C-alpha atoms as a PDB file:
ATOM      1  CA  MET A   1     210.049  61.387 316.207  1.00  0.00           C
ATOM      2  CA  THR A   2     209.446  59.202 313.287  1.00  0.00           C
ATOM      3  CA  VAL A   3     206.121  59.690 311.736  1.00  0.00           C
ATOM      4  CA  GLN A   4     204.401  56.398 309.934  1.00  0.00           C
ATOM      5  CA  THR A   5     202.219  56.738 306.809  1.00  0.00           C
ATOM      6  CA  ALA A   6     199.860  53.983 305.716  1.00  0.00           C
ATOM      7  CA  PRO A   7     200.781  52.526 302.796  1.00  0.00           C
ATOM      8  CA  ALA A   8     199.281  53.745 299.362  1.00  0.00           C
ATOM      9  CA  HIS A   9     196.243  51.673 298.462  1.00  0.00           C
ATOM     10  CA  ARG A  10     193.031  52.197 296.128  1.00  0.00           C
ATOM     11  CA  PRO A  11     190.133  53.818 298.094  1.00  0.00           C
ATOM     12  CA  ALA A  12     187.580  51.214 298.765  1.00  0.00           C
ATOM     13  CA  SER A  13     184.743  53.239 297.367  1.00  0.00           C
ATOM     14  CA  ARG A  14     185.945  53.204 294.049  1.00  0.00           C
ATOM     15  CA  GLN A  15     185.621  50.097 291.953  1.00  0.00           C
ATOM     16  CA  VAL A  16     188.107  48.892 289.337  1.00  0.00           C
ATOM     17  CA  LYS A  17     186.710  48.600 285.943  1.00  0.00           C
ATOM     18  CA  SER A  18     186.536  45.129 284.675  1.00  0.00           C
ATOM     19  CA  PRO A  19     187.518  44.681 280.786  1.00  0.00           C
ATOM     20  CA  LEU A  20     184.740  42.354 280.928  1.00  0.00           C
ATOM     21  CA  ALA A  21     182.359  44.667 282.478  1.00  0.00           C
ATOM     22  CA  ALA A  22     178.768  44.649 281.490  1.00  0.00           C
ATOM     23  CA  HIS A  23     176.548  47.506 280.732  1.00  0.00           C
ATOM     24  CA  SER A  24     173.717  48.345 283.498  1.00  0.00           C
ATOM     25  CA  HIS A  25     171.409  50.381 281.533  1.00  0.00           C
ATOM     26  CA  GLY A  26     168.651  47.912 280.804  1.00  0.00           C
ATOM     27  CA  THR A  27     169.729  47.161 277.302  1.00  0.00           C
ATOM     28  CA  THR A  28     171.280  44.200 275.666  1.00  0.00           C
ATOM     29  CA  VAL A  29     174.321  43.851 273.621  1.00  0.00           C
ATOM     30  CA  ILE A  30     174.347  40.800 271.456  1.00  0.00           C
ATOM     31  CA  ALA A  31     177.734  39.836 270.091  1.00  0.00           C
ATOM     32  CA  ARG A  32     177.551  38.908 266.495  1.00  0.00           C
ATOM     33  CA  THR A  33     179.439  35.611 265.996  1.00  0.00           C
ATOM     34  CA  GLN A  34     181.241  34.772 262.688  1.00  0.00           C
ATOM     35  CA  ILE A  35     181.968  31.175 261.703  1.00  0.00           C
ATOM     36  CA  ASP A  36     185.338  30.914 260.239  1.00  0.00           C
ATOM     37  CA  THR A  37     185.036  29.031 257.070  1.00  0.00           C
ATOM     38  CA  PRO A  38     187.619  28.303 254.487  1.00  0.00           C
ATOM     39  CA  GLY A  39     187.498  31.657 252.289  1.00  0.00           C
ATOM     40  CA  THR A  40     185.860  33.836 254.866  1.00  0.00           C
ATOM     41  CA  LEU A  41     188.874  35.636 255.860  1.00  0.00           C
ATOM     42  CA  LYS A  42     191.243  36.528 252.946  1.00  0.00           C
ATOM     43  CA  SER A  43     194.156  37.853 255.187  1.00  0.00           C
ATOM     44  CA  PRO A  44     195.185  38.238 258.926  1.00  0.00           C
ATOM     45  CA  ARG A  45     194.212  41.987 258.663  1.00  0.00           C
ATOM     46  CA  ASP A  46     190.399  41.050 257.912  1.00  0.00           C
ATOM     47  CA  ALA A  47     190.641  38.730 261.000  1.00  0.00           C
ATOM     48  CA  SER A  48     192.044  41.673 263.058  1.00  0.00           C
ATOM     49  CA  ILE A  49     189.159  43.840 261.963  1.00  0.00           C
ATOM     50  CA  ALA A  50     186.451  41.095 262.538  1.00  0.00           C
ATOM     51  CA  ASP A  51     188.064  40.586 266.150  1.00  0.00           C
ATOM     52  CA  PHE A  52     188.092  44.440 266.366  1.00  0.00           C
ATOM     53  CA  SER A  53     183.997  44.710 265.555  1.00  0.00           C
ATOM     54  CA  ASP A  54     183.407  41.901 267.947  1.00  0.00           C
ATOM     55  CA  TYR A  55     185.255  43.398 270.920  1.00  0.00           C
ATOM     56  CA  LEU A  56     183.387  46.728 270.262  1.00  0.00           C
ATOM     57  CA  ARG A  57     180.223  45.137 270.280  1.00  0.00           C
ATOM     58  CA  THR A  58     180.632  43.369 273.534  1.00  0.00           C
ATOM     59  CA  THR A  59     182.390  46.586 275.579  1.00  0.00           C
ATOM     60  CA  ASN A  60     181.296  49.683 276.749  1.00  0.00           C
ATOM     61  CA  ASN A  61     182.168  53.424 275.453  1.00  0.00           C
ATOM     62  CA  ARG A  62     183.861  55.701 278.301  1.00  0.00           C
ATOM     63  CA  ASN A  63     180.406  56.933 279.418  1.00  0.00           C
ATOM     64  CA  GLY A  64     179.631  53.398 280.216  1.00  0.00           C
ATOM     65  CA  ARG A  65     177.024  52.313 277.480  1.00  0.00           C
ATOM     66  CA  PRO A  66     177.428  50.108 274.606  1.00  0.00           C
ATOM     67  CA  TYR A  67     178.672  51.090 271.437  1.00  0.00           C
ATOM     68  CA  GLU A  68     175.794  51.510 268.743  1.00  0.00           C
ATOM     69  CA  ASP A  69     175.938  49.794 265.590  1.00  0.00           C
ATOM     70  CA  ALA A  70     176.389  52.643 263.527  1.00  0.00           C
ATOM     71  CA  THR A  71     179.611  53.425 265.637  1.00  0.00           C
ATOM     72  CA  VAL A  72     181.097  49.835 265.105  1.00  0.00           C
ATOM     73  CA  GLU A  73     180.446  50.120 261.485  1.00  0.00           C
ATOM     74  CA  ASN A  74     182.193  53.435 261.210  1.00  0.00           C
ATOM     75  CA  TYR A  75     185.212  52.151 263.076  1.00  0.00           C
ATOM     76  CA  VAL A  76     185.402  49.076 260.866  1.00  0.00           C
ATOM     77  CA  PHE A  77     184.667  51.090 257.698  1.00  0.00           C
ATOM     78  CA  ALA A  78     187.716  53.216 258.878  1.00  0.00           C
ATOM     79  CA  ALA A  79     189.953  50.313 259.772  1.00  0.00           C
ATOM     80  CA  ARG A  80     189.187  48.508 256.025  1.00  0.00           C
ATOM     81  CA  ALA A  81     190.033  51.909 254.753  1.00  0.00           C
ATOM     82  CA  LEU A  82     193.476  52.102 256.185  1.00  0.00           C
ATOM     83  CA  ASN A  83     193.956  48.424 254.954  1.00  0.00           C
ATOM     84  CA  ARG A  84     193.726  49.619 251.103  1.00  0.00           C
END
């Protein structure tokens, strides 16, 4: 006797998290835009840190809430300290 099993699949009740997901707690996250003018970014590392900062400001933490400004500034400070 042959037993057939259903193929493995993701349960329908659980949604996949989107990397572009917006928070749903009623607060607004505004991404800081940076105008790249000559001399603003001194190195590719500075550009990466600026991109990292923008990324953190536009995404949610693991609890589903947007990162606070103080948290973003602390992460950017640490990234700049590693660059020294």
